[in-house]
Amino acid sequence: MAMSVVLTRLYLDTATLIWNGNAISGLKALSDFFESLPSSEFQINVVDCQPVHEQATQSQTTVLVVTCGTVKFDGNKQRYFNQNFLLTAQVMPNSTVWKIASDCFRFQDWSS
């Protein structure tokens, strides 16, 4: 199974990824984008999580996740990044599945 298929399973059908200011919406576009990325190594340095008030999410159970660290894409130098995403609970008859509703990734240094 392609890595892009595995990654898109984490997202809602209507999810949007903002990658360094560029919006990518929908599972097909996300899959194509992930497939276009070179192989990479991520180092996560910090993860913070907090619930989002139900008034802001129409009573949908949602958690804000904030991460930062470094990434090295194949053939490129290591770069700092931060990433924020909203996880939302999708209640199924026998379980709850958490999906990414919104994802924002940004490099924190200038590419040279």
N, C-alpha and C. Protein backbone atom coordinates (compact mmCIF):
# COMPACT_ATOMS: atom_id res chain seq x y z
N MET A 1 0.86 -1.18 0.00
CA MET A 1 0.00 0.00 0.00
C MET A 1 0.90 1.24 0.00
N ALA A 2 0.59 2.18 -0.84
CA ALA A 2 1.38 3.41 -0.95
C ALA A 2 1.25 4.23 0.32
N MET A 3 2.35 4.90 0.69
CA MET A 3 2.35 5.73 1.90
C MET A 3 1.29 6.82 1.82
N SER A 4 1.04 7.37 0.62
CA SER A 4 0.05 8.44 0.49
C SER A 4 -1.34 7.94 0.87
N VAL A 5 -1.66 6.68 0.56
CA VAL A 5 -2.96 6.10 0.93
C VAL A 5 -3.06 5.96 2.44
N VAL A 6 -1.98 5.53 3.07
CA VAL A 6 -1.96 5.39 4.53
C VAL A 6 -2.14 6.76 5.19
N LEU A 7 -1.44 7.77 4.71
CA LEU A 7 -1.56 9.11 5.29
C LEU A 7 -2.95 9.69 5.12
N THR A 8 -3.55 9.53 3.94
CA THR A 8 -4.87 10.13 3.73
C THR A 8 -5.94 9.48 4.59
N ARG A 9 -5.73 8.27 5.05
CA ARG A 9 -6.68 7.63 5.97
C ARG A 9 -6.81 8.40 7.28
N LEU A 10 -5.81 9.21 7.60
CA LEU A 10 -5.83 9.99 8.84
C LEU A 10 -6.70 11.23 8.73
N TYR A 11 -7.09 11.61 7.52
CA TYR A 11 -7.80 12.86 7.26
C TYR A 11 -9.29 12.64 6.99
N LEU A 12 -10.10 13.63 7.39
CA LEU A 12 -11.50 13.65 6.98
C LEU A 12 -11.57 13.83 5.46
N ASP A 13 -12.65 13.39 4.85
CA ASP A 13 -12.83 13.56 3.40
C ASP A 13 -12.76 15.03 3.00
N THR A 14 -13.18 15.92 3.89
CA THR A 14 -13.24 17.36 3.60
C THR A 14 -12.05 18.14 4.17
N ALA A 15 -11.02 17.44 4.62
CA ALA A 15 -9.89 18.09 5.28
C ALA A 15 -9.10 18.99 4.33
N THR A 16 -8.46 19.99 4.93
CA THR A 16 -7.55 20.88 4.19
C THR A 16 -6.20 20.87 4.88
N LEU A 17 -5.15 20.76 4.08
CA LEU A 17 -3.77 20.90 4.54
C LEU A 17 -3.25 22.22 3.97
N ILE A 18 -2.68 23.04 4.83
CA ILE A 18 -1.99 24.25 4.39
C ILE A 18 -0.50 23.95 4.51
N TRP A 19 0.18 23.84 3.39
CA TRP A 19 1.61 23.50 3.35
C TRP A 19 2.38 24.76 2.96
N ASN A 20 3.02 25.39 3.94
CA ASN A 20 3.77 26.62 3.69
C ASN A 20 2.95 27.64 2.92
N GLY A 21 1.70 27.81 3.33
CA GLY A 21 0.83 28.82 2.74
C GLY A 21 0.02 28.36 1.55
N ASN A 22 0.19 27.13 1.09
CA ASN A 22 -0.53 26.61 -0.07
C ASN A 22 -1.58 25.59 0.38
N ALA A 23 -2.84 25.83 0.03
CA ALA A 23 -3.94 24.98 0.46
C ALA A 23 -4.10 23.76 -0.44
N ILE A 24 -4.31 22.60 0.19
CA ILE A 24 -4.58 21.35 -0.50
C ILE A 24 -5.82 20.76 0.17
N SER A 25 -6.89 20.56 -0.59
CA SER A 25 -8.15 20.09 -0.01
C SER A 25 -8.64 18.83 -0.70
N GLY A 26 -9.23 17.93 0.08
CA GLY A 26 -9.80 16.70 -0.46
C GLY A 26 -8.80 15.57 -0.49
N LEU A 27 -9.30 14.36 -0.34
CA LEU A 27 -8.41 13.20 -0.21
C LEU A 27 -7.59 12.93 -1.46
N LYS A 28 -8.14 13.12 -2.65
CA LYS A 28 -7.38 12.87 -3.89
C LYS A 28 -6.21 13.85 -4.00
N ALA A 29 -6.48 15.13 -3.75
CA ALA A 29 -5.42 16.14 -3.82
C ALA A 29 -4.37 15.89 -2.74
N LEU A 30 -4.80 15.49 -1.53
CA LEU A 30 -3.84 15.18 -0.46
C LEU A 30 -2.98 13.98 -0.85
N SER A 31 -3.60 12.95 -1.39
CA SER A 31 -2.86 11.76 -1.82
C SER A 31 -1.82 12.12 -2.88
N ASP A 32 -2.23 12.90 -3.88
CA ASP A 32 -1.29 13.32 -4.93
C ASP A 32 -0.15 14.14 -4.35
N PHE A 33 -0.46 15.03 -3.40
CA PHE A 33 0.58 15.85 -2.79
C PHE A 33 1.57 14.99 -2.00
N PHE A 34 1.05 14.10 -1.15
CA PHE A 34 1.94 13.24 -0.36
C PHE A 34 2.81 12.37 -1.26
N GLU A 35 2.24 11.92 -2.36
CA GLU A 35 2.99 11.09 -3.30
C GLU A 35 4.12 11.88 -3.96
N SER A 36 3.95 13.19 -4.11
CA SER A 36 4.96 14.03 -4.76
C SER A 36 6.14 14.37 -3.84
N LEU A 37 5.97 14.17 -2.54
CA LEU A 37 7.05 14.51 -1.61
C LEU A 37 8.17 13.47 -1.66
N PRO A 38 9.42 13.91 -1.55
CA PRO A 38 10.52 12.94 -1.47
C PRO A 38 10.50 12.24 -0.12
N SER A 39 11.23 11.16 0.00
CA SER A 39 11.30 10.48 1.30
C SER A 39 11.87 11.45 2.33
N SER A 40 11.52 11.23 3.59
CA SER A 40 11.89 12.20 4.63
C SER A 40 12.14 11.52 5.97
N GLU A 41 12.83 12.25 6.83
CA GLU A 41 13.05 11.84 8.21
C GLU A 41 12.61 12.99 9.10
N PHE A 42 11.64 12.73 9.97
CA PHE A 42 11.14 13.75 10.89
C PHE A 42 11.65 13.48 12.29
N GLN A 43 11.99 14.54 13.00
CA GLN A 43 12.34 14.49 14.42
C GLN A 43 11.37 15.43 15.13
N ILE A 44 10.49 14.89 15.96
CA ILE A 44 9.53 15.71 16.69
C ILE A 44 10.16 16.09 18.02
N ASN A 45 10.26 17.39 18.29
CA ASN A 45 10.87 17.88 19.53
C ASN A 45 9.84 18.22 20.60
N VAL A 46 8.66 18.71 20.19
CA VAL A 46 7.64 19.13 21.13
C VAL A 46 6.27 18.75 20.57
N VAL A 47 5.39 18.27 21.44
CA VAL A 47 3.98 18.06 21.10
C VAL A 47 3.16 18.63 22.24
N ASP A 48 2.25 19.53 21.92
CA ASP A 48 1.31 20.09 22.88
C ASP A 48 -0.10 19.84 22.37
N CYS A 49 -1.01 19.52 23.28
CA CYS A 49 -2.41 19.26 22.91
C CYS A 49 -3.33 19.98 23.87
N GLN A 50 -4.47 20.43 23.35
CA GLN A 50 -5.49 21.00 24.21
C GLN A 50 -6.85 20.84 23.55
N PRO A 51 -7.89 20.65 24.37
CA PRO A 51 -9.23 20.54 23.78
C PRO A 51 -9.69 21.88 23.24
N VAL A 52 -10.50 21.82 22.20
CA VAL A 52 -11.12 23.02 21.63
C VAL A 52 -12.54 23.08 22.18
N HIS A 53 -12.94 24.24 22.68
CA HIS A 53 -14.25 24.39 23.29
C HIS A 53 -15.35 24.00 22.31
N GLU A 54 -16.34 23.27 22.79
CA GLU A 54 -17.42 22.77 21.93
C GLU A 54 -18.22 23.87 21.25
N GLN A 55 -18.26 25.06 21.84
CA GLN A 55 -18.95 26.18 21.18
C GLN A 55 -18.28 26.55 19.86
N ALA A 56 -16.97 26.35 19.77
CA ALA A 56 -16.22 26.70 18.56
C ALA A 56 -16.29 25.59 17.51
N THR A 57 -16.75 24.40 17.89
CA THR A 57 -16.73 23.26 16.95
C THR A 57 -18.11 22.63 16.78
N GLN A 58 -19.15 23.38 17.06
CA GLN A 58 -20.52 22.89 16.91
C GLN A 58 -20.73 21.57 17.66
N SER A 59 -20.24 21.54 18.91
CA SER A 59 -20.35 20.39 19.82
C SER A 59 -19.60 19.14 19.34
N GLN A 60 -18.69 19.31 18.38
CA GLN A 60 -17.85 18.20 17.91
C GLN A 60 -16.62 18.11 18.82
N THR A 61 -16.35 16.93 19.38
CA THR A 61 -15.17 16.75 20.22
C THR A 61 -13.92 16.94 19.37
N THR A 62 -13.10 17.95 19.70
CA THR A 62 -11.95 18.32 18.87
C THR A 62 -10.77 18.67 19.77
N VAL A 63 -9.58 18.33 19.31
CA VAL A 63 -8.34 18.61 20.03
C VAL A 63 -7.39 19.33 19.08
N LEU A 64 -6.76 20.41 19.57
CA LEU A 64 -5.71 21.10 18.82
C LEU A 64 -4.37 20.47 19.20
N VAL A 65 -3.60 20.07 18.19
CA VAL A 65 -2.27 19.49 18.40
C VAL A 65 -1.25 20.41 17.75
N VAL A 66 -0.23 20.79 18.51
CA VAL A 66 0.84 21.67 18.03
C VAL A 66 2.15 20.91 18.16
N THR A 67 2.90 20.81 17.06
CA THR A 67 4.18 20.11 17.08
C THR A 67 5.26 20.99 16.47
N CYS A 68 6.49 20.72 16.82
CA CYS A 68 7.62 21.34 16.14
C CYS A 68 8.79 20.38 16.19
N GLY A 69 9.70 20.57 15.25
CA GLY A 69 10.85 19.68 15.17
C GLY A 69 11.66 19.99 13.94
N THR A 70 12.31 18.95 13.43
CA THR A 70 13.12 19.09 12.22
C THR A 70 12.70 18.01 11.21
N VAL A 71 12.92 18.33 9.95
CA VAL A 71 12.66 17.37 8.87
C VAL A 71 13.81 17.46 7.88
N LYS A 72 14.18 16.31 7.35
CA LYS A 72 15.18 16.27 6.29
C LYS A 72 14.57 15.49 5.14
N PHE A 73 14.28 16.22 4.04
CA PHE A 73 13.79 15.57 2.84
C PHE A 73 14.98 15.08 2.04
N ASP A 74 14.82 13.94 1.39
CA ASP A 74 15.89 13.31 0.62
C ASP A 74 16.56 14.33 -0.31
N GLY A 75 17.89 14.46 -0.18
CA GLY A 75 18.64 15.36 -1.05
C GLY A 75 18.67 16.80 -0.58
N ASN A 76 18.07 17.11 0.56
CA ASN A 76 18.03 18.48 1.06
C ASN A 76 18.59 18.54 2.49
N LYS A 77 18.87 19.75 2.93
CA LYS A 77 19.37 19.93 4.29
C LYS A 77 18.23 19.83 5.30
N GLN A 78 18.59 19.58 6.54
CA GLN A 78 17.61 19.53 7.62
C GLN A 78 16.99 20.90 7.83
N ARG A 79 15.66 20.94 8.06
CA ARG A 79 14.96 22.21 8.27
C ARG A 79 14.07 22.11 9.49
N TYR A 80 13.86 23.26 10.14
CA TYR A 80 12.93 23.34 11.26
C TYR A 80 11.52 23.54 10.73
N PHE A 81 10.54 22.97 11.43
CA PHE A 81 9.15 23.16 11.04
C PHE A 81 8.27 23.25 12.28
N ASN A 82 7.07 23.78 12.08
CA ASN A 82 6.02 23.61 13.07
C ASN A 82 4.77 23.18 12.34
N GLN A 83 3.93 22.44 13.05
CA GLN A 83 2.71 21.90 12.45
C GLN A 83 1.60 21.94 13.49
N ASN A 84 0.46 22.45 13.08
CA ASN A 84 -0.72 22.49 13.94
C ASN A 84 -1.83 21.75 13.24
N PHE A 85 -2.53 20.91 13.96
CA PHE A 85 -3.68 20.27 13.33
C PHE A 85 -4.80 20.05 14.33
N LEU A 86 -6.01 19.99 13.78
CA LEU A 86 -7.20 19.74 14.57
C LEU A 86 -7.62 18.29 14.37
N LEU A 87 -7.69 17.55 15.48
CA LEU A 87 -8.20 16.19 15.45
C LEU A 87 -9.64 16.22 15.92
N THR A 88 -10.51 15.56 15.21
CA THR A 88 -11.92 15.54 15.58
C THR A 88 -12.39 14.09 15.72
N ALA A 89 -13.22 13.85 16.72
CA ALA A 89 -13.72 12.51 17.00
C ALA A 89 -14.86 12.16 16.06
N GLN A 90 -14.74 11.04 15.38
CA GLN A 90 -15.80 10.52 14.52
C GLN A 90 -16.37 9.30 15.23
N VAL A 91 -17.56 9.46 15.80
CA VAL A 91 -18.17 8.39 16.59
C VAL A 91 -18.84 7.39 15.66
N MET A 92 -18.40 6.14 15.75
CA MET A 92 -18.96 5.04 14.99
C MET A 92 -19.82 4.20 15.95
N PRO A 93 -20.63 3.28 15.43
CA PRO A 93 -21.48 2.48 16.32
C PRO A 93 -20.69 1.74 17.42
N ASN A 94 -19.51 1.23 17.09
CA ASN A 94 -18.76 0.43 18.06
C ASN A 94 -17.43 1.04 18.48
N SER A 95 -17.12 2.23 17.99
CA SER A 95 -15.83 2.84 18.33
C SER A 95 -15.82 4.32 18.00
N THR A 96 -14.75 4.97 18.40
CA THR A 96 -14.51 6.36 18.03
C THR A 96 -13.21 6.42 17.26
N VAL A 97 -13.24 7.07 16.10
CA VAL A 97 -12.05 7.21 15.27
C VAL A 97 -11.71 8.70 15.21
N TRP A 98 -10.44 9.02 15.44
CA TRP A 98 -9.98 10.41 15.39
C TRP A 98 -9.43 10.69 14.00
N LYS A 99 -9.87 11.80 13.40
CA LYS A 99 -9.43 12.18 12.06
C LYS A 99 -8.93 13.62 12.07
N ILE A 100 -8.03 13.94 11.15
CA ILE A 100 -7.53 15.30 11.00
C ILE A 100 -8.52 16.09 10.17
N ALA A 101 -9.01 17.19 10.74
CA ALA A 101 -9.96 18.07 10.04
C ALA A 101 -9.22 19.19 9.33
N SER A 102 -8.13 19.67 9.94
CA SER A 102 -7.36 20.78 9.39
C SER A 102 -5.91 20.60 9.81
N ASP A 103 -4.99 20.89 8.90
CA ASP A 103 -3.56 20.67 9.12
C ASP A 103 -2.79 21.85 8.54
N CYS A 104 -1.89 22.41 9.32
CA CYS A 104 -1.10 23.54 8.85
C CYS A 104 0.38 23.27 9.14
N PHE A 105 1.18 23.15 8.08
CA PHE A 105 2.61 22.85 8.18
C PHE A 105 3.38 24.05 7.65
N ARG A 106 4.43 24.44 8.37
CA ARG A 106 5.23 25.59 7.92
C ARG A 106 6.69 25.37 8.31
N PHE A 107 7.60 25.58 7.32
CA PHE A 107 9.03 25.62 7.64
C PHE A 107 9.31 26.85 8.47
N GLN A 108 10.24 26.76 9.40
CA GLN A 108 10.55 27.89 10.29
C GLN A 108 11.87 28.55 9.95
N ASP A 109 12.52 28.11 8.90
CA ASP A 109 13.77 28.73 8.48
C ASP A 109 13.69 28.99 6.97
N TRP A 110 14.55 29.82 6.48
CA TRP A 110 14.56 30.13 5.05
C TRP A 110 15.39 29.09 4.32
N SER A 111 14.88 28.61 3.22
CA SER A 111 15.62 27.68 2.40
C SER A 111 16.76 28.43 1.70
N SER A 112 17.92 27.80 1.67
CA SER A 112 19.04 28.47 0.99
C SER A 112 19.40 27.77 -0.29
